[in-house]
C-alpha atoms as a PDB file:
ATOM      1  CA  MET A   1      -8.826  26.298 -22.440  1.00  0.00           C
ATOM      2  CA  SER A   2      -9.428  24.208 -19.355  1.00  0.00           C
ATOM      3  CA  GLU A   3      -7.431  20.680 -19.146  1.00  0.00           C
ATOM      4  CA  PRO A   4      -9.209  17.424 -19.622  1.00  0.00           C
ATOM      5  CA  GLN A   5     -10.096  15.576 -16.692  1.00  0.00           C
ATOM      6  CA  LEU A   6      -7.430  13.846 -14.689  1.00  0.00           C
ATOM      7  CA  ASN A   7      -8.090   9.984 -14.485  1.00  0.00           C
ATOM      8  CA  LEU A   8      -7.394   9.386 -10.741  1.00  0.00           C
ATOM      9  CA  GLY A   9      -7.030   5.876  -9.220  1.00  0.00           C
ATOM     10  CA  ARG A  10      -8.530   5.203  -5.866  1.00  0.00           C
ATOM     11  CA  ILE A  11      -7.317   2.364  -3.675  1.00  0.00           C
ATOM     12  CA  ASP A  12     -10.787   1.025  -2.117  1.00  0.00           C
ATOM     13  CA  TYR A  13      -9.151   0.306   1.662  1.00  0.00           C
ATOM     14  CA  LEU A  14      -9.373   2.165   4.774  1.00  0.00           C
ATOM     15  CA  ASN A  15      -5.848   3.408   4.608  1.00  0.00           C
ATOM     16  CA  CYS A  16      -6.707   5.866   1.867  1.00  0.00           C
ATOM     17  CA  TRP A  17     -10.414   6.774   2.877  1.00  0.00           C
ATOM     18  CA  PRO A  18      -9.504   9.892   4.849  1.00  0.00           C
ATOM     19  CA  LEU A  19      -7.846  11.255   1.566  1.00  0.00           C
ATOM     20  CA  PHE A  20     -10.473  10.642  -0.986  1.00  0.00           C
ATOM     21  CA  GLN A  21     -13.320  11.653   1.466  1.00  0.00           C
ATOM     22  CA  GLN A  22     -11.976  15.117   1.822  1.00  0.00           C
ATOM     23  CA  LEU A  23     -10.489  15.601  -1.685  1.00  0.00           C
ATOM     24  CA  PRO A  24     -14.021  16.922  -3.346  1.00  0.00           C
ATOM     25  CA  ALA A  25     -14.053  19.776  -0.696  1.00  0.00           C
ATOM     26  CA  ILE A  26     -10.620  21.070  -1.625  1.00  0.00           C
ATOM     27  CA  LEU A  27     -10.483  20.102  -5.544  1.00  0.00           C
ATOM     28  CA  ASP A  28     -13.395  20.319  -7.750  1.00  0.00           C
ATOM     29  CA  SER A  29     -14.596  16.837  -8.596  1.00  0.00           C
ATOM     30  CA  ASN A  30     -15.145  17.825 -12.050  1.00  0.00           C
ATOM     31  CA  ARG A  31     -11.276  18.247 -12.571  1.00  0.00           C
ATOM     32  CA  TYR A  32     -10.861  14.484 -12.045  1.00  0.00           C
ATOM     33  CA  ASN A  33     -12.449  11.096 -12.739  1.00  0.00           C
ATOM     34  CA  LEU A  34     -12.080   8.368 -10.003  1.00  0.00           C
ATOM     35  CA  ILE A  35     -11.380   4.833 -11.008  1.00  0.00           C
ATOM     36  CA  SER A  36     -11.436   2.615  -8.003  1.00  0.00           C
ATOM     37  CA  GLY A  37      -9.691  -0.891  -7.361  1.00  0.00           C
ATOM     38  CA  HIS A  38      -7.226  -2.797  -5.223  1.00  0.00           C
ATOM     39  CA  PRO A  39      -3.482  -2.054  -5.742  1.00  0.00           C
ATOM     40  CA  ALA A  40      -2.985  -4.590  -8.487  1.00  0.00           C
ATOM     41  CA  ARG A  41      -5.786  -3.463 -10.408  1.00  0.00           C
ATOM     42  CA  LEU A  42      -4.690   0.437 -10.344  1.00  0.00           C
ATOM     43  CA  ASN A  43      -1.200  -0.773 -11.375  1.00  0.00           C
ATOM     44  CA  GLU A  44      -2.788  -2.177 -14.576  1.00  0.00           C
ATOM     45  CA  GLY A  45      -4.430   0.789 -15.194  1.00  0.00           C
ATOM     46  CA  LEU A  46      -1.541   2.877 -15.042  1.00  0.00           C
ATOM     47  CA  LYS A  47       0.420   0.719 -17.293  1.00  0.00           C
ATOM     48  CA  ASN A  48      -2.152   0.707 -20.109  1.00  0.00           C
ATOM     49  CA  GLY A  49      -2.773   4.516 -19.652  1.00  0.00           C
ATOM     50  CA  GLU A  50      -6.277   4.067 -18.453  1.00  0.00           C
ATOM     51  CA  ILE A  51      -5.036   6.048 -15.281  1.00  0.00           C
ATOM     52  CA  ASP A  52      -3.049   8.941 -15.272  1.00  0.00           C
ATOM     53  CA  ILE A  53      -2.013   9.266 -11.363  1.00  0.00           C
ATOM     54  CA  SER A  54      -2.737   7.040  -8.499  1.00  0.00           C
ATOM     55  CA  PRO A  55      -1.910   5.624  -5.244  1.00  0.00           C
ATOM     56  CA  SER A  56      -0.050   2.569  -6.298  1.00  0.00           C
ATOM     57  CA  SER A  57       1.976  -0.176  -5.239  1.00  0.00           C
ATOM     58  CA  SER A  58       5.643   0.833  -4.824  1.00  0.00           C
ATOM     59  CA  MET A  59       6.826  -2.190  -6.785  1.00  0.00           C
ATOM     60  CA  LEU A  60       5.343  -1.006 -10.008  1.00  0.00           C
ATOM     61  CA  LEU A  61       8.361   1.176 -10.470  1.00  0.00           C
ATOM     62  CA  ALA A  62      10.511  -2.116 -10.512  1.00  0.00           C
ATOM     63  CA  ASN A  63       8.489  -4.301 -12.560  1.00  0.00           C
ATOM     64  CA  GLY A  64       7.920  -2.155 -15.751  1.00  0.00           C
ATOM     65  CA  ASN A  65       9.560   0.715 -17.393  1.00  0.00           C
ATOM     66  CA  SER A  66      10.263   3.317 -14.685  1.00  0.00           C
ATOM     67  CA  ASN A  67      10.853   6.029 -17.000  1.00  0.00           C
ATOM     68  CA  ASP A  68       7.278   6.003 -18.007  1.00  0.00           C
ATOM     69  CA  TYR A  69       6.376   7.259 -14.506  1.00  0.00           C
ATOM     70  CA  PHE A  70       6.830  10.064 -11.828  1.00  0.00           C
ATOM     71  CA  ILE A  71       5.848  10.235  -8.384  1.00  0.00           C
ATOM     72  CA  LEU A  72       4.417  12.855  -6.346  1.00  0.00           C
ATOM     73  CA  PRO A  73       6.971  14.399  -3.767  1.00  0.00           C
ATOM     74  CA  ASP A  74       5.613  14.221   0.085  1.00  0.00           C
ATOM     75  CA  ILE A  75       3.103  11.892  -0.138  1.00  0.00           C
ATOM     76  CA  SER A  76       2.750   8.189   0.360  1.00  0.00           C
ATOM     77  CA  ILE A  77       1.072   5.002   2.125  1.00  0.00           C
ATOM     78  CA  ALA A  78       3.407   3.883   4.651  1.00  0.00           C
ATOM     79  CA  SER A  79       3.913   2.513   8.183  1.00  0.00           C
ATOM     80  CA  LEU A  80       6.221   3.686  10.583  1.00  0.00           C
ATOM     81  CA  THR A  81       6.435   0.341  12.949  1.00  0.00           C
ATOM     82  CA  GLU A  82       3.352  -1.872  12.651  1.00  0.00           C
ATOM     83  CA  VAL A  83       0.780  -1.385   9.676  1.00  0.00           C
ATOM     84  CA  ARG A  84      -2.090  -3.910  10.803  1.00  0.00           C
ATOM     85  CA  SER A  85      -3.400  -4.270   7.346  1.00  0.00           C
ATOM     86  CA  VAL A  86      -0.756  -6.526   5.758  1.00  0.00           C
ATOM     87  CA  ILE A  87      -0.427  -9.498   7.654  1.00  0.00           C
ATOM     88  CA  LEU A  88       0.902 -13.156   7.426  1.00  0.00           C
ATOM     89  CA  LEU A  89      -1.623 -15.660   9.208  1.00  0.00           C
ATOM     90  CA  SER A  90       0.500 -18.701  10.223  1.00  0.00           C
ATOM     91  CA  ARG A  91      -0.100 -21.955  11.943  1.00  0.00           C
ATOM     92  CA  LEU A  92       3.552 -22.129  12.625  1.00  0.00           C
ATOM     93  CA  PRO A  93       6.438 -19.624  13.583  1.00  0.00           C
ATOM     94  CA  LEU A  94       8.202 -18.125  10.799  1.00  0.00           C
ATOM     95  CA  ALA A  95      11.593 -20.017  11.313  1.00  0.00           C
ATOM     96  CA  GLU A  96       9.266 -23.143  10.598  1.00  0.00           C
ATOM     97  CA  LEU A  97       8.035 -22.459   7.287  1.00  0.00           C
ATOM     98  CA  ASN A  98      10.616 -24.269   5.595  1.00  0.00           C
ATOM     99  CA  HIS A  99       8.457 -27.053   3.416  1.00  0.00           C
ATOM    100  CA  LYS A 100       5.316 -25.556   3.898  1.00  0.00           C
ATOM    101  CA  THR A 101       2.740 -23.851   1.734  1.00  0.00           C
ATOM    102  CA  ILE A 102       1.926 -20.060   1.747  1.00  0.00           C
ATOM    103  CA  SER A 103      -1.210 -18.732   0.298  1.00  0.00           C
ATOM    104  CA  LEU A 104      -0.348 -15.172  -1.515  1.00  0.00           C
ATOM    105  CA  THR A 105      -2.888 -12.558  -2.313  1.00  0.00           C
ATOM    106  CA  SER A 106      -3.145 -11.490  -5.974  1.00  0.00           C
ATOM    107  CA  HIS A 107      -3.870  -7.812  -4.969  1.00  0.00           C
ATOM    108  CA  SER A 108      -0.390  -6.427  -3.908  1.00  0.00           C
ATOM    109  CA  LEU A 109       2.800  -7.491  -5.398  1.00  0.00           C
ATOM    110  CA  THR A 110       4.630  -5.104  -2.882  1.00  0.00           C
ATOM    111  CA  SER A 111       3.223  -6.932   0.083  1.00  0.00           C
ATOM    112  CA  ILE A 112       4.354 -10.460  -1.522  1.00  0.00           C
ATOM    113  CA  PHE A 113       7.891  -9.049  -2.198  1.00  0.00           C
ATOM    114  CA  LEU A 114       7.908  -7.763   1.408  1.00  0.00           C
ATOM    115  CA  LEU A 115       6.797 -11.117   2.843  1.00  0.00           C
ATOM    116  CA  LYS A 116       9.586 -12.946   0.737  1.00  0.00           C
ATOM    117  CA  ILE A 117      12.310 -10.522   1.816  1.00  0.00           C
ATOM    118  CA  ILE A 118      11.311 -11.319   5.508  1.00  0.00           C
ATOM    119  CA  LEU A 119      11.265 -14.922   5.061  1.00  0.00           C
ATOM    120  CA  PHE A 120      14.283 -15.476   2.754  1.00  0.00           C
ATOM    121  CA  HIS A 121      16.665 -12.384   3.554  1.00  0.00           C
ATOM    122  CA  PHE A 122      15.936 -11.777   7.361  1.00  0.00           C
ATOM    123  CA  GLN A 123      14.582 -15.115   8.424  1.00  0.00           C
ATOM    124  CA  GLU A 124      17.072 -16.840   6.087  1.00  0.00           C
ATOM    125  CA  LEU A 125      14.601 -19.704   4.987  1.00  0.00           C
ATOM    126  CA  ASP A 126      15.406 -21.704   2.240  1.00  0.00           C
ATOM    127  CA  PRO A 127      13.100 -20.344  -0.968  1.00  0.00           C
ATOM    128  CA  ASP A 128      13.492 -23.770  -2.775  1.00  0.00           C
ATOM    129  CA  THR A 129      11.578 -25.466   0.162  1.00  0.00           C
ATOM    130  CA  VAL A 130       8.740 -22.931   0.511  1.00  0.00           C
ATOM    131  CA  THR A 131       5.784 -23.473  -2.066  1.00  0.00           C
ATOM    132  CA  PHE A 132       3.658 -20.498  -2.892  1.00  0.00           C
ATOM    133  CA  THR A 133      -0.058 -20.587  -4.161  1.00  0.00           C
ATOM    134  CA  THR A 134      -2.319 -17.546  -5.232  1.00  0.00           C
ATOM    135  CA  ALA A 135      -5.619 -17.397  -3.598  1.00  0.00           C
ATOM    136  CA  GLU A 136      -7.563 -14.948  -1.523  1.00  0.00           C
ATOM    137  CA  PHE A 137      -7.869 -16.102   2.101  1.00  0.00           C
ATOM    138  CA  THR A 138     -11.373 -17.197   3.621  1.00  0.00           C
ATOM    139  CA  PRO A 139     -12.226 -18.222   7.127  1.00  0.00           C
ATOM    140  CA  ALA A 140     -12.901 -21.794   5.714  1.00  0.00           C
ATOM    141  CA  ASP A 141      -9.130 -22.108   4.717  1.00  0.00           C
ATOM    142  CA  HIS A 142      -8.350 -24.320   7.736  1.00  0.00           C
ATOM    143  CA  LEU A 143      -5.696 -26.395   5.833  1.00  0.00           C
ATOM    144  CA  LYS A 144      -3.298 -23.593   5.001  1.00  0.00           C
ATOM    145  CA  ASP A 145       0.040 -23.557   6.844  1.00  0.00           C
ATOM    146  CA  ALA A 146       0.237 -19.670   6.132  1.00  0.00           C
ATOM    147  CA  ALA A 147      -1.650 -16.857   4.127  1.00  0.00           C
ATOM    148  CA  LEU A 148      -0.652 -13.388   3.192  1.00  0.00           C
ATOM    149  CA  ILE A 149      -3.514 -11.048   3.520  1.00  0.00           C
ATOM    150  CA  ILE A 150      -3.853  -7.201   2.842  1.00  0.00           C
ATOM    151  CA  GLY A 151      -6.279  -4.283   3.204  1.00  0.00           C
ATOM    152  CA  ASP A 152      -9.477  -4.117   5.427  1.00  0.00           C
ATOM    153  CA  GLN A 153      -9.819  -7.917   5.708  1.00  0.00           C
ATOM    154  CA  ALA A 154      -6.377  -7.993   7.151  1.00  0.00           C
ATOM    155  CA  LEU A 155      -7.147  -5.193   9.448  1.00  0.00           C
ATOM    156  CA  LYS A 156     -10.533  -7.202  10.754  1.00  0.00           C
ATOM    157  CA  LEU A 157      -7.986 -10.497  11.201  1.00  0.00           C
ATOM    158  CA  TYR A 158      -5.428  -8.488  12.892  1.00  0.00           C
ATOM    159  CA  HIS A 159      -7.922  -7.883  15.578  1.00  0.00           C
ATOM    160  CA  ASN A 160      -9.900 -10.980  15.587  1.00  0.00           C
ATOM    161  CA  PRO A 161      -7.587 -13.763  14.173  1.00  0.00           C
ATOM    162  CA  PRO A 162      -9.043 -17.116  13.798  1.00  0.00           C
ATOM    163  CA  PRO A 163      -8.244 -19.874  16.166  1.00  0.00           C
ATOM    164  CA  GLY A 164      -4.972 -21.699  15.983  1.00  0.00           C
ATOM    165  CA  TYR A 165      -3.233 -18.985  13.826  1.00  0.00           C
ATOM    166  CA  ILE A 166      -0.457 -16.454  14.725  1.00  0.00           C
ATOM    167  CA  VAL A 167      -0.714 -12.862  13.375  1.00  0.00           C
ATOM    168  CA  TYR A 168       2.514 -11.519  11.710  1.00  0.00           C
ATOM    169  CA  ASP A 169       2.332  -7.850  11.191  1.00  0.00           C
ATOM    170  CA  LEU A 170       4.749  -7.360   8.146  1.00  0.00           C
ATOM    171  CA  GLY A 171       5.487  -3.643   8.794  1.00  0.00           C
ATOM    172  CA  LYS A 172       6.369  -4.542  12.247  1.00  0.00           C
ATOM    173  CA  LEU A 173       9.049  -7.051  11.188  1.00  0.00           C
ATOM    174  CA  TRP A 174      10.360  -4.632   8.419  1.00  0.00           C
ATOM    175  CA  HIS A 175      11.040  -2.206  11.360  1.00  0.00           C
ATOM    176  CA  GLN A 176      12.370  -4.622  13.778  1.00  0.00           C
ATOM    177  CA  PHE A 177      14.898  -5.566  11.271  1.00  0.00           C
ATOM    178  CA  THR A 178      15.697  -2.248   9.652  1.00  0.00           C
ATOM    179  CA  ASN A 179      14.267   0.521  12.087  1.00  0.00           C
ATOM    180  CA  LEU A 180      12.834   2.105   8.894  1.00  0.00           C
ATOM    181  CA  PRO A 181       9.512   3.002   7.639  1.00  0.00           C
ATOM    182  CA  PHE A 182       8.074   0.664   4.909  1.00  0.00           C
ATOM    183  CA  VAL A 183       6.556   2.469   1.977  1.00  0.00           C
ATOM    184  CA  TYR A 184       3.550   0.053   0.376  1.00  0.00           C
ATOM    185  CA  ALA A 185       2.185   2.822  -2.136  1.00  0.00           C
ATOM    186  CA  LEU A 186       3.300   5.812  -3.998  1.00  0.00           C
ATOM    187  CA  TRP A 187       1.399   8.412  -5.771  1.00  0.00           C
ATOM    188  CA  ILE A 188       2.589   7.524  -9.087  1.00  0.00           C
ATOM    189  CA  GLY A 189       1.759   9.224 -12.543  1.00  0.00           C
ATOM    190  CA  ARG A 190       2.332   8.597 -16.025  1.00  0.00           C
ATOM    191  CA  LYS A 191       4.834  11.178 -17.642  1.00  0.00           C
ATOM    192  CA  SER A 192       2.655  11.164 -20.696  1.00  0.00           C
ATOM    193  CA  ALA A 193      -0.119  12.991 -18.666  1.00  0.00           C
ATOM    194  CA  ILE A 194       2.248  15.903 -17.599  1.00  0.00           C
ATOM    195  CA  SER A 195       2.010  17.772 -21.162  1.00  0.00           C
ATOM    196  CA  ARG A 196      -1.610  17.771 -20.998  1.00  0.00           C
ATOM    197  CA  LYS A 197      -2.644  17.757 -17.355  1.00  0.00           C
ATOM    198  CA  SER A 198       0.329  19.488 -15.409  1.00  0.00           C
ATOM    199  CA  GLN A 199      -1.629  22.006 -13.584  1.00  0.00           C
ATOM    200  CA  SER A 200      -4.387  19.406 -12.613  1.00  0.00           C
ATOM    201  CA  ILE A 201      -1.525  17.115 -11.115  1.00  0.00           C
ATOM    202  CA  ILE A 202      -0.006  20.346  -9.440  1.00  0.00           C
ATOM    203  CA  ASP A 203      -3.279  21.111  -7.850  1.00  0.00           C
ATOM    204  CA  LEU A 204      -3.890  17.390  -6.688  1.00  0.00           C
ATOM    205  CA  HIS A 205      -0.459  17.699  -5.039  1.00  0.00           C
ATOM    206  CA  HIS A 206      -1.321  20.634  -3.151  1.00  0.00           C
ATOM    207  CA  ALA A 207      -4.714  19.290  -2.245  1.00  0.00           C
ATOM    208  CA  LEU A 208      -3.200  16.199  -0.810  1.00  0.00           C
ATOM    209  CA  THR A 209      -0.784  17.859   1.249  1.00  0.00           C
ATOM    210  CA  GLU A 210      -3.301  19.920   2.622  1.00  0.00           C
ATOM    211  CA  ILE A 211      -5.289  17.313   3.625  1.00  0.00           C
ATOM    212  CA  VAL A 212      -2.605  15.269   5.328  1.00  0.00           C
ATOM    213  CA  ALA A 213      -1.530  18.703   7.405  1.00  0.00           C
ATOM    214  CA  ALA A 214      -4.908  18.855   8.767  1.00  0.00           C
ATOM    215  CA  LEU A 215      -5.753  15.096   9.383  1.00  0.00           C
ATOM    216  CA  PRO A 216      -4.474  14.812  13.023  1.00  0.00           C
ATOM    217  CA  ASP A 217      -7.287  17.006  14.005  1.00  0.00           C
ATOM    218  CA  LYS A 218      -9.917  15.377  11.867  1.00  0.00           C
ATOM    219  CA  LEU A 219      -9.464  11.700  12.138  1.00  0.00           C
ATOM    220  CA  ALA A 220     -11.641  11.507  15.355  1.00  0.00           C
ATOM    221  CA  ASP A 221     -14.957  12.747  13.328  1.00  0.00           C
ATOM    222  CA  LEU A 222     -13.585  10.635   9.999  1.00  0.00           C
ATOM    223  CA  THR A 223     -13.995   7.588  12.139  1.00  0.00           C
ATOM    224  CA  THR A 224     -17.648   7.508  12.556  1.00  0.00           C
ATOM    225  CA  ALA A 225     -18.285   8.704   8.727  1.00  0.00           C
ATOM    226  CA  ALA A 226     -16.029   6.047   7.446  1.00  0.00           C
ATOM    227  CA  LEU A 227     -17.483   3.134   9.278  1.00  0.00           C
ATOM    228  CA  ALA A 228     -21.068   4.293   8.588  1.00  0.00           C
ATOM    229  CA  GLU A 229     -20.458   4.950   4.805  1.00  0.00           C
ATOM    230  CA  LEU A 230     -18.573   1.231   4.695  1.00  0.00           C
ATOM    231  CA  VAL A 231     -21.263  -0.531   6.637  1.00  0.00           C
ATOM    232  CA  ASN A 232     -18.052  -1.644   8.732  1.00  0.00           C
ATOM    233  CA  THR A 233     -16.919  -4.538   6.276  1.00  0.00           C
ATOM    234  CA  ALA A 234     -13.752  -4.321   7.999  1.00  0.00           C
ATOM    235  CA  GLU A 235     -15.901  -5.258  11.355  1.00  0.00           C
ATOM    236  CA  ILE A 236     -13.734  -3.297  13.415  1.00  0.00           C
ATOM    237  CA  SER A 237     -14.799  -0.747  16.469  1.00  0.00           C
ATOM    238  CA  PRO A 238     -14.521   2.972  16.023  1.00  0.00           C
ATOM    239  CA  PRO A 239     -11.340   2.894  18.506  1.00  0.00           C
ATOM    240  CA  GLN A 240      -9.594   0.190  16.242  1.00  0.00           C
ATOM    241  CA  LEU A 241      -9.902   2.400  13.140  1.00  0.00           C
ATOM    242  CA  LEU A 242      -8.867   5.547  15.068  1.00  0.00           C
ATOM    243  CA  THR A 243      -5.746   3.946  16.373  1.00  0.00           C
ATOM    244  CA  TYR A 244      -5.017   2.334  12.776  1.00  0.00           C
ATOM    245  CA  TRP A 245      -4.902   5.980  11.103  1.00  0.00           C
ATOM    246  CA  GLN A 246      -3.214   7.476  14.300  1.00  0.00           C
ATOM    247  CA  GLN A 247      -0.641   4.737  14.869  1.00  0.00           C
ATOM    248  CA  ALA A 248      -0.208   2.494  12.090  1.00  0.00           C
ATOM    249  CA  ILE A 249      -0.590   4.484   8.678  1.00  0.00           C
ATOM    250  CA  SER A 250       1.514   7.501   7.652  1.00  0.00           C
ATOM    251  CA  TYR A 251       1.211   9.413   4.597  1.00  0.00           C
ATOM    252  CA  ASP A 252       4.709  11.190   4.419  1.00  0.00           C
ATOM    253  CA  LEU A 253       7.275  10.531   2.302  1.00  0.00           C
ATOM    254  CA  ASN A 254      10.324  11.927   3.922  1.00  0.00           C
ATOM    255  CA  GLN A 255      13.906  10.817   3.878  1.00  0.00           C
ATOM    256  CA  GLN A 256      13.373   8.184   6.205  1.00  0.00           C
ATOM    257  CA  ALA A 257      10.508   6.783   4.269  1.00  0.00           C
ATOM    258  CA  LEU A 258      12.813   7.223   1.047  1.00  0.00           C
ATOM    259  CA  THR A 259      15.639   5.386   2.906  1.00  0.00           C
ATOM    260  CA  GLY A 260      13.475   2.640   3.685  1.00  0.00           C
ATOM    261  CA  LEU A 261      12.028   2.340   0.148  1.00  0.00           C
ATOM    262  CA  ARG A 262      15.429   2.317  -1.567  1.00  0.00           C
ATOM    263  CA  LEU A 263      16.530  -0.392   0.931  1.00  0.00           C
ATOM    264  CA  PHE A 264      13.314  -2.403  -0.152  1.00  0.00           C
ATOM    265  CA  TYR A 265      14.183  -2.209  -3.733  1.00  0.00           C
ATOM    266  CA  ASN A 266      18.017  -3.071  -3.130  1.00  0.00           C
ATOM    267  CA  LEU A 267      17.123  -6.225  -1.028  1.00  0.00           C
ATOM    268  CA  ALA A 268      14.556  -7.345  -3.564  1.00  0.00           C
ATOM    269  CA  TYR A 269      17.273  -6.781  -6.243  1.00  0.00           C
ATOM    270  CA  GLU A 270      19.640  -8.898  -3.886  1.00  0.00           C
ATOM    271  CA  ILE A 271      17.297 -11.889  -3.725  1.00  0.00           C
ATOM    272  CA  ASN A 272      16.402 -11.694  -7.575  1.00  0.00           C
ATOM    273  CA  LEU A 273      12.810 -10.672  -7.065  1.00  0.00           C
ATOM    274  CA  ILE A 274      13.403  -7.646  -9.449  1.00  0.00           C
ATOM    275  CA  LYS A 275      15.909  -7.248 -12.483  1.00  0.00           C
ATOM    276  CA  GLN A 276      17.055  -3.474 -11.669  1.00  0.00           C
ATOM    277  CA  VAL A 277      16.461  -1.095  -8.768  1.00  0.00           C
ATOM    278  CA  PRO A 278      14.454   1.825 -10.295  1.00  0.00           C
ATOM    279  CA  GLU A 279      15.040   5.377 -10.613  1.00  0.00           C
ATOM    280  CA  LEU A 280      12.603   7.759  -8.330  1.00  0.00           C
ATOM    281  CA  THR A 281      11.413  10.837 -10.736  1.00  0.00           C
ATOM    282  CA  LEU A 282       9.730  13.322  -8.483  1.00  0.00           C
ATOM    283  CA  PHE A 283       7.250  15.430 -10.327  1.00  0.00           C
ATOM    284  CA  PRO A 284       8.739  18.924 -11.209  1.00  0.00           C
ATOM    285  CA  GLU A 285       6.163  21.659 -10.021  1.00  0.00           C
ATOM    286  CA  ASN A 286       8.314  24.278 -11.344  1.00  0.00           C
END
């Protein structure tokens, strides 16, 4: 008897596009049901059981019952140095953001916590003096002191910032302070799905590792296809997209990435962003 379909979350950003574009060629699309959305939307889907497994914010594990979830080994969405698609646009240098207002995206808790660690731990700003609001940035937001932006919009603004703003790449800042990669998303699954869909989870993991291993030779061809399919909503050039995939995005979850992830959790705990450092449970394929 075949297993029921795997409810699979898909992040609607260019950082995930190469993986999902190639998935149907390796894993029968009848085996899974795609549910698309931004990271916060996928987090909710995992929490409420709508989604079985998804690339999802690494902070999900620290803001819920981590015992409910497992993570796929080997695979993540990370940056080794700069990331380009998680940025702070600021009218002022970071050191001058005390007594200023920063607009936060509602789409990614991990990026918000990363920003706060950079500001309050590494830059040692006073958290009592910085005001945060929640709103998605638009070019008409001329009065904001600074704005946190993620995804394809951030990638566009990284290359084409509006006049009067400084672009701070949060992945680059993290690496400057820690010399470690930063893990934005893990492939997180619900443990409740294992008993009914374990083979589908195993096959998904094998498919993803196969795709990642072959990516370096395919990215140039995928660039043209991605911009044509997405009608270039990011408004970037093919060379900019190619270097983004080649230089900014890493899909590995190796020991360096895990060290960076654990440091992120520990720092978030130290400055009271989370109540506990989560345990990481890798999916057992045996």
